[in-house]
Amino acid sequence: MSLKAAGFFRVAAVAEAFSWAALLIGMFLKYVVHTAHEGGVPVLGMVHGVIFVIYLLTTLAVFKPLGWKRKTLLLALLAAVPPLFTWWFEKWALRTGKLDGPERLLNGGTGLFAPRPVSA
């Protein structure tokens, strides 16, 4: 179960980061460059809002299957506020084994840098 939870979380985190970036680009075009059109801000804002809510719900849904402590959950939720921090959090969680779940040693896990048991 934790491998599916980790996969859902990773997709939601990266999608949230990219939707944030797209919205910032649209806002730059609208308010700084002063393009003649809206720069896609209304649509990008709605898309980002929906993906933001999906990220929050996914984070709340996966923290127990992944065996996160409340501190990790809080960090994941706060990462949704600054632009691109969900992507940073996802990379950190993958590197530190936070996406492996409690059965990491049984199934091998998804963490790239987590220590693996050596077979003789």
PDB file of N, CA and C in Angstrom:
ATOM      1  N   MET A   1       0.814  -1.197   0.000  1.00  0.00           N
ATOM      2  CA  MET A   1       0.000   0.000   0.000  1.00  0.00           C
ATOM      3  C   MET A   1       0.859   1.264   0.000  1.00  0.00           C
ATOM      4  N   SER A   2       1.975   1.230   0.706  1.00  0.00           N
ATOM      5  CA  SER A   2       2.766   2.453   0.808  1.00  0.00           C
ATOM      6  C   SER A   2       3.424   2.830  -0.517  1.00  0.00           C
ATOM      7  N   LEU A   3       3.690   1.848  -1.388  1.00  0.00           N
ATOM      8  CA  LEU A   3       4.272   2.194  -2.688  1.00  0.00           C
ATOM      9  C   LEU A   3       3.274   2.966  -3.540  1.00  0.00           C
ATOM     10  N   LYS A   4       1.994   2.575  -3.494  1.00  0.00           N
ATOM     11  CA  LYS A   4       0.970   3.328  -4.214  1.00  0.00           C
ATOM     12  C   LYS A   4       0.789   4.706  -3.600  1.00  0.00           C
ATOM     13  N   ALA A   5       0.791   4.771  -2.276  1.00  0.00           N
ATOM     14  CA  ALA A   5       0.647   6.063  -1.595  1.00  0.00           C
ATOM     15  C   ALA A   5       1.798   6.979  -1.968  1.00  0.00           C
ATOM     16  N   ALA A   6       3.012   6.449  -2.002  1.00  0.00           N
ATOM     17  CA  ALA A   6       4.176   7.256  -2.367  1.00  0.00           C
ATOM     18  C   ALA A   6       4.058   7.744  -3.806  1.00  0.00           C
ATOM     19  N   GLY A   7       3.592   6.903  -4.693  1.00  0.00           N
ATOM     20  CA  GLY A   7       3.425   7.305  -6.091  1.00  0.00           C
ATOM     21  C   GLY A   7       2.398   8.410  -6.252  1.00  0.00           C
ATOM     22  N   PHE A   8       1.255   8.263  -5.571  1.00  0.00           N
ATOM     23  CA  PHE A   8       0.232   9.313  -5.623  1.00  0.00           C
ATOM     24  C   PHE A   8       0.774  10.624  -5.067  1.00  0.00           C
ATOM     25  N   PHE A   9       1.493  10.549  -3.962  1.00  0.00           N
ATOM     26  CA  PHE A   9       2.033  11.766  -3.362  1.00  0.00           C
ATOM     27  C   PHE A   9       3.038  12.434  -4.293  1.00  0.00           C
ATOM     28  N   ARG A  10       3.917  11.653  -4.891  1.00  0.00           N
ATOM     29  CA  ARG A  10       4.937  12.236  -5.775  1.00  0.00           C
ATOM     30  C   ARG A  10       4.300  12.955  -6.959  1.00  0.00           C
ATOM     31  N   VAL A  11       3.280  12.346  -7.559  1.00  0.00           N
ATOM     32  CA  VAL A  11       2.588  12.980  -8.690  1.00  0.00           C
ATOM     33  C   VAL A  11       1.923  14.275  -8.246  1.00  0.00           C
ATOM     34  N   ALA A  12       1.233  14.247  -7.109  1.00  0.00           N
ATOM     35  CA  ALA A  12       0.554  15.443  -6.618  1.00  0.00           C
ATOM     36  C   ALA A  12       1.555  16.552  -6.291  1.00  0.00           C
ATOM     37  N   ALA A  13       2.691  16.197  -5.691  1.00  0.00           N
ATOM     38  CA  ALA A  13       3.688  17.203  -5.306  1.00  0.00           C
ATOM     39  C   ALA A  13       4.290  17.886  -6.530  1.00  0.00           C
ATOM     40  N   VAL A  14       4.650  17.112  -7.531  1.00  0.00           N
ATOM     41  CA  VAL A  14       5.265  17.699  -8.729  1.00  0.00           C
ATOM     42  C   VAL A  14       4.228  18.501  -9.520  1.00  0.00           C
ATOM     43  N   ALA A  15       2.993  17.988  -9.604  1.00  0.00           N
ATOM     44  CA  ALA A  15       1.945  18.728 -10.309  1.00  0.00           C
ATOM     45  C   ALA A  15       1.668  20.065  -9.628  1.00  0.00           C
ATOM     46  N   GLU A  16       1.658  20.071  -8.298  1.00  0.00           N
ATOM     47  CA  GLU A  16       1.419  21.316  -7.561  1.00  0.00           C
ATOM     48  C   GLU A  16       2.541  22.313  -7.831  1.00  0.00           C
ATOM     49  N   ALA A  17       3.770  21.842  -7.851  1.00  0.00           N
ATOM     50  CA  ALA A  17       4.907  22.730  -8.108  1.00  0.00           C
ATOM     51  C   ALA A  17       4.834  23.320  -9.518  1.00  0.00           C
ATOM     52  N   PHE A  18       4.520  22.496 -10.517  1.00  0.00           N
ATOM     53  CA  PHE A  18       4.450  22.999 -11.884  1.00  0.00           C
ATOM     54  C   PHE A  18       3.269  23.940 -12.084  1.00  0.00           C
ATOM     55  N   SER A  19       2.139  23.665 -11.414  1.00  0.00           N
ATOM     56  CA  SER A  19       0.995  24.573 -11.554  1.00  0.00           C
ATOM     57  C   SER A  19       1.294  25.922 -10.906  1.00  0.00           C
ATOM     58  N   TRP A  20       2.052  25.912  -9.817  1.00  0.00           N
ATOM     59  CA  TRP A  20       2.488  27.154  -9.167  1.00  0.00           C
ATOM     60  C   TRP A  20       3.372  27.941 -10.127  1.00  0.00           C
ATOM     61  N   ALA A  21       4.326  27.256 -10.742  1.00  0.00           N
ATOM     62  CA  ALA A  21       5.239  27.924 -11.678  1.00  0.00           C
ATOM     63  C   ALA A  21       4.473  28.509 -12.871  1.00  0.00           C
ATOM     64  N   ALA A  22       3.512  27.750 -13.399  1.00  0.00           N
ATOM     65  CA  ALA A  22       2.723  28.245 -14.532  1.00  0.00           C
ATOM     66  C   ALA A  22       1.921  29.481 -14.140  1.00  0.00           C
ATOM     67  N   LEU A  23       1.353  29.460 -12.949  1.00  0.00           N
ATOM     68  CA  LEU A  23       0.594  30.619 -12.482  1.00  0.00           C
ATOM     69  C   LEU A  23       1.507  31.837 -12.316  1.00  0.00           C
ATOM     70  N   LEU A  24       2.694  31.638 -11.782  1.00  0.00           N
ATOM     71  CA  LEU A  24       3.630  32.758 -11.632  1.00  0.00           C
ATOM     72  C   LEU A  24       4.047  33.338 -12.982  1.00  0.00           C
ATOM     73  N   ILE A  25       4.254  32.473 -13.960  1.00  0.00           N
ATOM     74  CA  ILE A  25       4.593  32.951 -15.308  1.00  0.00           C
ATOM     75  C   ILE A  25       3.432  33.748 -15.891  1.00  0.00           C
ATOM     76  N   GLY A  26       2.213  33.235 -15.732  1.00  0.00           N
ATOM     77  CA  GLY A  26       1.034  33.959 -16.219  1.00  0.00           C
ATOM     78  C   GLY A  26       0.871  35.308 -15.545  1.00  0.00           C
ATOM     79  N   MET A  27       1.113  35.359 -14.235  1.00  0.00           N
ATOM     80  CA  MET A  27       1.014  36.630 -13.514  1.00  0.00           C
ATOM     81  C   MET A  27       2.109  37.600 -13.952  1.00  0.00           C
ATOM     82  N   PHE A  28       3.293  37.085 -14.223  1.00  0.00           N
ATOM     83  CA  PHE A  28       4.377  37.939 -14.724  1.00  0.00           C
ATOM     84  C   PHE A  28       3.980  38.558 -16.070  1.00  0.00           C
ATOM     85  N   LEU A  29       3.430  37.729 -16.952  1.00  0.00           N
ATOM     86  CA  LEU A  29       3.021  38.236 -18.262  1.00  0.00           C
ATOM     87  C   LEU A  29       1.914  39.274 -18.140  1.00  0.00           C
ATOM     88  N   LYS A  30       0.987  39.055 -17.224  1.00  0.00           N
ATOM     89  CA  LYS A  30      -0.151  39.968 -17.088  1.00  0.00           C
ATOM     90  C   LYS A  30       0.237  41.280 -16.401  1.00  0.00           C
ATOM     91  N   TYR A  31       0.970  41.196 -15.301  1.00  0.00           N
ATOM     92  CA  TYR A  31       1.195  42.383 -14.476  1.00  0.00           C
ATOM     93  C   TYR A  31       2.527  43.090 -14.716  1.00  0.00           C
ATOM     94  N   VAL A  32       3.523  42.395 -15.221  1.00  0.00           N
ATOM     95  CA  VAL A  32       4.831  43.022 -15.439  1.00  0.00           C
ATOM     96  C   VAL A  32       5.024  43.367 -16.907  1.00  0.00           C
ATOM     97  N   VAL A  33       4.782  42.413 -17.793  1.00  0.00           N
ATOM     98  CA  VAL A  33       4.956  42.636 -19.226  1.00  0.00           C
ATOM     99  C   VAL A  33       3.765  43.396 -19.801  1.00  0.00           C
ATOM    100  N   HIS A  34       2.618  43.330 -19.134  1.00  0.00           N
ATOM    101  CA  HIS A  34       1.389  44.004 -19.565  1.00  0.00           C
ATOM    102  C   HIS A  34       0.965  43.560 -20.963  1.00  0.00           C
ATOM    103  N   THR A  35       0.820  42.258 -21.124  1.00  0.00           N
ATOM    104  CA  THR A  35       0.314  41.739 -22.396  1.00  0.00           C
ATOM    105  C   THR A  35      -1.133  42.187 -22.559  1.00  0.00           C
ATOM    106  N   ALA A  36      -1.591  42.176 -23.792  1.00  0.00           N
ATOM    107  CA  ALA A  36      -2.939  42.665 -24.096  1.00  0.00           C
ATOM    108  C   ALA A  36      -4.014  41.734 -23.548  1.00  0.00           C
ATOM    109  N   HIS A  37      -3.679  40.498 -23.281  1.00  0.00           N
ATOM    110  CA  HIS A  37      -4.672  39.540 -22.779  1.00  0.00           C
ATOM    111  C   HIS A  37      -4.386  39.210 -21.316  1.00  0.00           C
ATOM    112  N   GLU A  38      -5.173  38.363 -20.752  1.00  0.00           N
ATOM    113  CA  GLU A  38      -5.059  38.022 -19.336  1.00  0.00           C
ATOM    114  C   GLU A  38      -3.835  37.188 -19.003  1.00  0.00           C
ATOM    115  N   GLY A  39      -3.168  36.642 -19.992  1.00  0.00           N
ATOM    116  CA  GLY A  39      -2.007  35.796 -19.727  1.00  0.00           C
ATOM    117  C   GLY A  39      -2.380  34.441 -19.158  1.00  0.00           C
ATOM    118  N   GLY A  40      -3.631  34.077 -19.255  1.00  0.00           N
ATOM    119  CA  GLY A  40      -4.074  32.785 -18.748  1.00  0.00           C
ATOM    120  C   GLY A  40      -4.254  32.740 -17.245  1.00  0.00           C
ATOM    121  N   VAL A  41      -4.175  33.879 -16.572  1.00  0.00           N
ATOM    122  CA  VAL A  41      -4.222  33.895 -15.107  1.00  0.00           C
ATOM    123  C   VAL A  41      -5.527  33.304 -14.556  1.00  0.00           C
ATOM    124  N   PRO A  42      -6.688  33.631 -15.088  1.00  0.00           N
ATOM    125  CA  PRO A  42      -7.894  33.036 -14.512  1.00  0.00           C
ATOM    126  C   PRO A  42      -7.913  31.502 -14.622  1.00  0.00           C
ATOM    127  N   VAL A  43      -7.518  30.984 -15.748  1.00  0.00           N
ATOM    128  CA  VAL A  43      -7.510  29.528 -15.930  1.00  0.00           C
ATOM    129  C   VAL A  43      -6.400  28.892 -15.107  1.00  0.00           C
ATOM    130  N   LEU A  44      -5.204  29.469 -15.164  1.00  0.00           N
ATOM    131  CA  LEU A  44      -4.090  28.920 -14.393  1.00  0.00           C
ATOM    132  C   LEU A  44      -4.347  29.007 -12.898  1.00  0.00           C
ATOM    133  N   GLY A  45      -5.012  30.060 -12.460  1.00  0.00           N
ATOM    134  CA  GLY A  45      -5.358  30.183 -11.055  1.00  0.00           C
ATOM    135  C   GLY A  45      -6.310  29.091 -10.605  1.00  0.00           C
ATOM    136  N   MET A  46      -7.314  28.804 -11.435  1.00  0.00           N
ATOM    137  CA  MET A  46      -8.260  27.747 -11.095  1.00  0.00           C
ATOM    138  C   MET A  46      -7.573  26.385 -11.098  1.00  0.00           C
ATOM    139  N   VAL A  47      -6.750  26.119 -12.111  1.00  0.00           N
ATOM    140  CA  VAL A  47      -6.047  24.844 -12.199  1.00  0.00           C
ATOM    141  C   VAL A  47      -5.127  24.666 -10.995  1.00  0.00           C
ATOM    142  N   HIS A  48      -4.392  25.718 -10.656  1.00  0.00           N
ATOM    143  CA  HIS A  48      -3.507  25.630  -9.504  1.00  0.00           C
ATOM    144  C   HIS A  48      -4.301  25.404  -8.209  1.00  0.00           C
ATOM    145  N   GLY A  49      -5.422  26.069  -8.075  1.00  0.00           N
ATOM    146  CA  GLY A  49      -6.257  25.890  -6.886  1.00  0.00           C
ATOM    147  C   GLY A  49      -6.744  24.462  -6.728  1.00  0.00           C
ATOM    148  N   VAL A  50      -7.179  23.872  -7.821  1.00  0.00           N
ATOM    149  CA  VAL A  50      -7.645  22.476  -7.782  1.00  0.00           C
ATOM    150  C   VAL A  50      -6.491  21.537  -7.435  1.00  0.00           C
ATOM    151  N   ILE A  51      -5.341  21.735  -8.071  1.00  0.00           N
ATOM    152  CA  ILE A  51      -4.187  20.865  -7.793  1.00  0.00           C
ATOM    153  C   ILE A  51      -3.678  21.086  -6.377  1.00  0.00           C
ATOM    154  N   PHE A  52      -3.748  22.306  -5.866  1.00  0.00           N
ATOM    155  CA  PHE A  52      -3.367  22.605  -4.491  1.00  0.00           C
ATOM    156  C   PHE A  52      -4.226  21.800  -3.511  1.00  0.00           C
ATOM    157  N   VAL A  53      -5.527  21.793  -3.736  1.00  0.00           N
ATOM    158  CA  VAL A  53      -6.433  21.037  -2.862  1.00  0.00           C
ATOM    159  C   VAL A  53      -6.160  19.540  -2.995  1.00  0.00           C
ATOM    160  N   ILE A  54      -5.910  19.067  -4.204  1.00  0.00           N
ATOM    161  CA  ILE A  54      -5.573  17.641  -4.399  1.00  0.00           C
ATOM    162  C   ILE A  54      -4.295  17.297  -3.649  1.00  0.00           C
ATOM    163  N   TYR A  55      -3.301  18.173  -3.685  1.00  0.00           N
ATOM    164  CA  TYR A  55      -2.054  17.926  -2.953  1.00  0.00           C
ATOM    165  C   TYR A  55      -2.314  17.838  -1.452  1.00  0.00           C
ATOM    166  N   LEU A  56      -3.099  18.778  -0.914  1.00  0.00           N
ATOM    167  CA  LEU A  56      -3.381  18.758   0.523  1.00  0.00           C
ATOM    168  C   LEU A  56      -4.124  17.486   0.914  1.00  0.00           C
ATOM    169  N   LEU A  57      -5.129  17.102   0.144  1.00  0.00           N
ATOM    170  CA  LEU A  57      -5.882  15.886   0.452  1.00  0.00           C
ATOM    171  C   LEU A  57      -5.019  14.639   0.312  1.00  0.00           C
ATOM    172  N   THR A  58      -4.179  14.604  -0.707  1.00  0.00           N
ATOM    173  CA  THR A  58      -3.278  13.462  -0.887  1.00  0.00           C
ATOM    174  C   THR A  58      -2.295  13.367   0.270  1.00  0.00           C
ATOM    175  N   THR A  59      -1.753  14.494   0.692  1.00  0.00           N
ATOM    176  CA  THR A  59      -0.820  14.507   1.818  1.00  0.00           C
ATOM    177  C   THR A  59      -1.487  13.980   3.079  1.00  0.00           C
ATOM    178  N   LEU A  60      -2.703  14.425   3.345  1.00  0.00           N
ATOM    179  CA  LEU A  60      -3.426  13.944   4.518  1.00  0.00           C
ATOM    180  C   LEU A  60      -3.765  12.465   4.411  1.00  0.00           C
ATOM    181  N   ALA A  61      -4.000  11.988   3.184  1.00  0.00           N
ATOM    182  CA  ALA A  61      -4.368  10.587   2.996  1.00  0.00           C
ATOM    183  C   ALA A  61      -3.177   9.629   3.095  1.00  0.00           C
ATOM    184  N   VAL A  62      -1.979  10.100   2.759  1.00  0.00           N
ATOM    185  CA  VAL A  62      -0.833   9.172   2.699  1.00  0.00           C
ATOM    186  C   VAL A  62       0.061   9.208   3.929  1.00  0.00           C
ATOM    187  N   PHE A  63      -0.133  10.157   4.834  1.00  0.00           N
ATOM    188  CA  PHE A  63       0.844  10.259   5.926  1.00  0.00           C
ATOM    189  C   PHE A  63       0.796   9.057   6.856  1.00  0.00           C
ATOM    190  N   LYS A  64      -0.364   8.440   7.068  1.00  0.00           N
ATOM    191  CA  LYS A  64      -0.418   7.228   7.912  1.00  0.00           C
ATOM    192  C   LYS A  64       0.133   6.002   7.183  1.00  0.00           C
ATOM    193  N   PRO A  65      -0.270   5.733   5.931  1.00  0.00           N
ATOM    194  CA  PRO A  65       0.318   4.567   5.246  1.00  0.00           C
ATOM    195  C   PRO A  65       1.831   4.660   5.084  1.00  0.00           C
ATOM    196  N   LEU A  66       2.355   5.876   4.979  1.00  0.00           N
ATOM    197  CA  LEU A  66       3.797   6.043   4.830  1.00  0.00           C
ATOM    198  C   LEU A  66       4.518   6.117   6.178  1.00  0.00           C
ATOM    199  N   GLY A  67       3.773   6.124   7.265  1.00  0.00           N
ATOM    200  CA  GLY A  67       4.369   6.126   8.586  1.00  0.00           C
ATOM    201  C   GLY A  67       5.037   7.438   8.970  1.00  0.00           C
ATOM    202  N   TRP A  68       4.520   8.558   8.450  1.00  0.00           N
ATOM    203  CA  TRP A  68       5.095   9.857   8.763  1.00  0.00           C
ATOM    204  C   TRP A  68       4.733  10.275  10.173  1.00  0.00           C
ATOM    205  N   LYS A  69       5.620  11.013  10.805  1.00  0.00           N
ATOM    206  CA  LYS A  69       5.317  11.652  12.082  1.00  0.00           C
ATOM    207  C   LYS A  69       4.601  12.970  11.789  1.00  0.00           C
ATOM    208  N   ARG A  70       4.034  13.555  12.820  1.00  0.00           N
ATOM    209  CA  ARG A  70       3.291  14.809  12.637  1.00  0.00           C
ATOM    210  C   ARG A  70       4.194  15.937  12.132  1.00  0.00           C
ATOM    211  N   LYS A  71       5.454  15.920  12.515  1.00  0.00           N
ATOM    212  CA  LYS A  71       6.393  16.948  12.048  1.00  0.00           C
ATOM    213  C   LYS A  71       6.579  16.860  10.531  1.00  0.00           C
ATOM    214  N   THR A  72       6.698  15.643  10.002  1.00  0.00           N
ATOM    215  CA  THR A  72       6.836  15.452   8.555  1.00  0.00           C
ATOM    216  C   THR A  72       5.567  15.874   7.848  1.00  0.00           C
ATOM    217  N   LEU A  73       4.411  15.524   8.431  1.00  0.00           N
ATOM    218  CA  LEU A  73       3.131  15.935   7.848  1.00  0.00           C
ATOM    219  C   LEU A  73       3.029  17.454   7.797  1.00  0.00           C
ATOM    220  N   LEU A  74       3.374  18.117   8.872  1.00  0.00           N
ATOM    221  CA  LEU A  74       3.313  19.578   8.910  1.00  0.00           C
ATOM    222  C   LEU A  74       4.250  20.198   7.879  1.00  0.00           C
ATOM    223  N   LEU A  75       5.445  19.641   7.748  1.00  0.00           N
ATOM    224  CA  LEU A  75       6.394  20.141   6.753  1.00  0.00           C
ATOM    225  C   LEU A  75       5.851  19.957   5.335  1.00  0.00           C
ATOM    226  N   ALA A  76       5.216  18.820   5.078  1.00  0.00           N
ATOM    227  CA  ALA A  76       4.632  18.566   3.756  1.00  0.00           C
ATOM    228  C   ALA A  76       3.500  19.540   3.459  1.00  0.00           C
ATOM    229  N   LEU A  77       2.670  19.822   4.454  1.00  0.00           N
ATOM    230  CA  LEU A  77       1.561  20.755   4.245  1.00  0.00           C
ATOM    231  C   LEU A  77       2.070  22.182   4.058  1.00  0.00           C
ATOM    232  N   LEU A  78       3.065  22.579   4.831  1.00  0.00           N
ATOM    233  CA  LEU A  78       3.621  23.927   4.692  1.00  0.00           C
ATOM    234  C   LEU A  78       4.380  24.113   3.381  1.00  0.00           C
ATOM    235  N   ALA A  79       4.876  23.020   2.816  1.00  0.00           N
ATOM    236  CA  ALA A  79       5.603  23.104   1.550  1.00  0.00           C
ATOM    237  C   ALA A  79       4.701  23.546   0.398  1.00  0.00           C
ATOM    238  N   ALA A  80       3.396  23.462   0.581  1.00  0.00           N
ATOM    239  CA  ALA A  80       2.471  23.866  -0.484  1.00  0.00           C
ATOM    240  C   ALA A  80       2.349  25.381  -0.609  1.00  0.00           C
ATOM    241  N   VAL A  81       2.833  26.123   0.377  1.00  0.00           N
ATOM    242  CA  VAL A  81       2.636  27.581   0.354  1.00  0.00           C
ATOM    243  C   VAL A  81       3.668  28.289  -0.527  1.00  0.00           C
ATOM    244  N   PRO A  82       4.984  28.131  -0.292  1.00  0.00           N
ATOM    245  CA  PRO A  82       5.937  28.820  -1.178  1.00  0.00           C
ATOM    246  C   PRO A  82       6.017  28.120  -2.544  1.00  0.00           C
ATOM    247  N   PRO A  83       6.272  28.871  -3.590  1.00  0.00           N
ATOM    248  CA  PRO A  83       6.361  28.262  -4.923  1.00  0.00           C
ATOM    249  C   PRO A  83       7.465  27.208  -5.005  1.00  0.00           C
ATOM    250  N   LEU A  84       7.154  26.102  -5.620  1.00  0.00           N
ATOM    251  CA  LEU A  84       8.060  24.998  -5.936  1.00  0.00           C
ATOM    252  C   LEU A  84       8.576  24.218  -4.715  1.00  0.00           C
ATOM    253  N   PHE A  85       8.111  24.516  -3.510  1.00  0.00           N
ATOM    254  CA  PHE A  85       8.601  23.792  -2.328  1.00  0.00           C
ATOM    255  C   PHE A  85       8.054  22.368  -2.252  1.00  0.00           C
ATOM    256  N   THR A  86       6.909  22.099  -2.877  1.00  0.00           N
ATOM    257  CA  THR A  86       6.418  20.712  -2.857  1.00  0.00           C
ATOM    258  C   THR A  86       7.365  19.808  -3.634  1.00  0.00           C
ATOM    259  N   TRP A  87       7.954  20.343  -4.688  1.00  0.00           N
ATOM    260  CA  TRP A  87       8.931  19.568  -5.452  1.00  0.00           C
ATOM    261  C   TRP A  87      10.167  19.323  -4.594  1.00  0.00           C
ATOM    262  N   TRP A  88      10.615  20.349  -3.901  1.00  0.00           N
ATOM    263  CA  TRP A  88      11.754  20.189  -2.987  1.00  0.00           C
ATOM    264  C   TRP A  88      11.435  19.171  -1.898  1.00  0.00           C
ATOM    265  N   PHE A  89      10.234  19.245  -1.322  1.00  0.00           N
ATOM    266  CA  PHE A  89       9.858  18.308  -0.266  1.00  0.00           C
ATOM    267  C   PHE A  89       9.821  16.885  -0.805  1.00  0.00           C
ATOM    268  N   GLU A  90       9.286  16.706  -1.989  1.00  0.00           N
ATOM    269  CA  GLU A  90       9.212  15.361  -2.590  1.00  0.00           C
ATOM    270  C   GLU A  90      10.609  14.793  -2.795  1.00  0.00           C
ATOM    271  N   LYS A  91      11.548  15.584  -3.277  1.00  0.00           N
ATOM    272  CA  LYS A  91      12.928  15.125  -3.473  1.00  0.00           C
ATOM    273  C   LYS A  91      13.577  14.789  -2.131  1.00  0.00           C
ATOM    274  N   TRP A  92      13.358  15.622  -1.124  1.00  0.00           N
ATOM    275  CA  TRP A  92      13.902  15.365   0.207  1.00  0.00           C
ATOM    276  C   TRP A  92      13.301  14.097   0.812  1.00  0.00           C
ATOM    277  N   ALA A  93      11.985  13.941   0.676  1.00  0.00           N
ATOM    278  CA  ALA A  93      11.317  12.766   1.237  1.00  0.00           C
ATOM    279  C   ALA A  93      11.784  11.488   0.544  1.00  0.00           C
ATOM    280  N   LEU A  94      12.011  11.541  -0.749  1.00  0.00           N
ATOM    281  CA  LEU A  94      12.515  10.374  -1.475  1.00  0.00           C
ATOM    282  C   LEU A  94      13.931  10.046  -1.032  1.00  0.00           C
ATOM    283  N   ARG A  95      14.776  11.063  -0.909  1.00  0.00           N
ATOM    284  CA  ARG A  95      16.168  10.854  -0.531  1.00  0.00           C
ATOM    285  C   ARG A  95      16.314  10.312   0.892  1.00  0.00           C
ATOM    286  N   THR A  96      15.457  10.765   1.799  1.00  0.00           N
ATOM    287  CA  THR A  96      15.578  10.365   3.199  1.00  0.00           C
ATOM    288  C   THR A  96      14.751   9.130   3.552  1.00  0.00           C
ATOM    289  N   GLY A  97      14.067   8.546   2.588  1.00  0.00           N
ATOM    290  CA  GLY A  97      13.299   7.329   2.855  1.00  0.00           C
ATOM    291  C   GLY A  97      11.913   7.570   3.412  1.00  0.00           C
ATOM    292  N   LYS A  98      11.440   8.821   3.414  1.00  0.00           N
ATOM    293  CA  LYS A  98      10.107   9.128   3.940  1.00  0.00           C
ATOM    294  C   LYS A  98       8.993   8.588   3.040  1.00  0.00           C
ATOM    295  N   LEU A  99       9.316   8.249   1.808  1.00  0.00           N
ATOM    296  CA  LEU A  99       8.305   7.706   0.895  1.00  0.00           C
ATOM    297  C   LEU A  99       8.327   6.188   0.851  1.00  0.00           C
ATOM    298  N   ASP A 100       9.143   5.564   1.679  1.00  0.00           N
ATOM    299  CA  ASP A 100       9.262   4.111   1.659  1.00  0.00           C
ATOM    300  C   ASP A 100       8.192   3.414   2.474  1.00  0.00           C
ATOM    301  N   GLY A 101       7.694   4.036   3.494  1.00  0.00           N
ATOM    302  CA  GLY A 101       6.691   3.423   4.340  1.00  0.00           C
ATOM    303  C   GLY A 101       7.319   2.473   5.340  1.00  0.00           C
ATOM    304  N   PRO A 102       6.487   1.916   6.221  1.00  0.00           N
ATOM    305  CA  PRO A 102       7.008   1.077   7.283  1.00  0.00           C
ATOM    306  C   PRO A 102       7.609  -0.246   6.805  1.00  0.00           C
ATOM    307  N   GLU A 103       7.201  -0.742   5.664  1.00  0.00           N
ATOM    308  CA  GLU A 103       7.718  -2.036   5.194  1.00  0.00           C
ATOM    309  C   GLU A 103       8.883  -1.893   4.229  1.00  0.00           C
ATOM    310  N   ARG A 104       9.663  -0.818   4.381  1.00  0.00           N
ATOM    311  CA  ARG A 104      10.786  -0.552   3.478  1.00  0.00           C
ATOM    312  C   ARG A 104      11.763  -1.716   3.426  1.00  0.00           C
ATOM    313  N   LEU A 105      12.107  -2.272   4.569  1.00  0.00           N
ATOM    314  CA  LEU A 105      13.100  -3.337   4.594  1.00  0.00           C
ATOM    315  C   LEU A 105      12.568  -4.638   4.000  1.00  0.00           C
ATOM    316  N   LEU A 106      11.255  -4.823   4.003  1.00  0.00           N
ATOM    317  CA  LEU A 106      10.688  -6.042   3.427  1.00  0.00           C
ATOM    318  C   LEU A 106      10.632  -5.986   1.903  1.00  0.00           C
ATOM    319  N   ASN A 107      10.248  -4.839   1.350  1.00  0.00           N
ATOM    320  CA  ASN A 107      10.009  -4.725  -0.091  1.00  0.00           C
ATOM    321  C   ASN A 107      11.111  -4.011  -0.857  1.00  0.00           C
ATOM    322  N   GLY A 108      12.108  -3.507  -0.196  1.00  0.00           N
ATOM    323  CA  GLY A 108      13.173  -2.799  -0.896  1.00  0.00           C
ATOM    324  C   GLY A 108      12.977  -1.308  -0.915  1.00  0.00           C
ATOM    325  N   GLY A 109      11.754  -0.821  -0.816  1.00  0.00           N
ATOM    326  CA  GLY A 109      11.492   0.609  -0.731  1.00  0.00           C
ATOM    327  C   GLY A 109      11.674   1.342  -2.043  1.00  0.00           C
ATOM    328  N   THR A 110      11.353   2.621  -1.995  1.00  0.00           N
ATOM    329  CA  THR A 110      11.500   3.470  -3.173  1.00  0.00           C
ATOM    330  C   THR A 110      12.614   4.486  -3.008  1.00  0.00           C
ATOM    331  N   GLY A 111      13.175   4.618  -1.813  1.00  0.00           N
ATOM    332  CA  GLY A 111      14.214   5.609  -1.566  1.00  0.00           C
ATOM    333  C   GLY A 111      15.483   5.302  -2.340  1.00  0.00           C
ATOM    334  N   LEU A 112      16.018   6.297  -2.994  1.00  0.00           N
ATOM    335  CA  LEU A 112      17.215   6.093  -3.796  1.00  0.00           C
ATOM    336  C   LEU A 112      18.463   5.952  -2.954  1.00  0.00           C
ATOM    337  N   PHE A 113      18.504   6.640  -1.810  1.00  0.00           N
ATOM    338  CA  PHE A 113      19.717   6.672  -1.015  1.00  0.00           C
ATOM    339  C   PHE A 113      19.582   5.950   0.321  1.00  0.00           C
ATOM    340  N   ALA A 114      18.477   5.278   0.537  1.00  0.00           N
ATOM    341  CA  ALA A 114      18.285   4.558   1.804  1.00  0.00           C
ATOM    342  C   ALA A 114      19.194   3.332   1.816  1.00  0.00           C
ATOM    343  N   PRO A 115      19.809   3.016   2.969  1.00  0.00           N
ATOM    344  CA  PRO A 115      20.687   1.846   3.030  1.00  0.00           C
ATOM    345  C   PRO A 115      19.906   0.564   2.809  1.00  0.00           C
ATOM    346  N   ARG A 116      20.460  -0.326   2.043  1.00  0.00           N
ATOM    347  CA  ARG A 116      19.832  -1.619   1.743  1.00  0.00           C
ATOM    348  C   ARG A 116      20.568  -2.723   2.489  1.00  0.00           C
ATOM    349  N   PRO A 117      19.824  -3.738   2.918  1.00  0.00           N
ATOM    350  CA  PRO A 117      20.509  -4.867   3.556  1.00  0.00           C
ATOM    351  C   PRO A 117      21.378  -5.607   2.528  1.00  0.00           C
ATOM    352  N   VAL A 118      22.547  -6.024   2.971  1.00  0.00           N
ATOM    353  CA  VAL A 118      23.486  -6.731   2.081  1.00  0.00           C
ATOM    354  C   VAL A 118      23.256  -8.221   2.221  1.00  0.00           C
ATOM    355  N   SER A 119      23.039  -8.895   1.086  1.00  0.00           N
ATOM    356  CA  SER A 119      22.863 -10.340   1.132  1.00  0.00           C
ATOM    357  C   SER A 119      24.206 -11.026   0.961  1.00  0.00           C
ATOM    358  N   ALA A 120      24.339 -12.163   1.630  1.00  0.00           N
ATOM    359  CA  ALA A 120      25.629 -12.873   1.608  1.00  0.00           C
ATOM    360  C   ALA A 120      25.809 -13.706   0.370  1.00  0.00           C
TER     361      ALA A 120
END
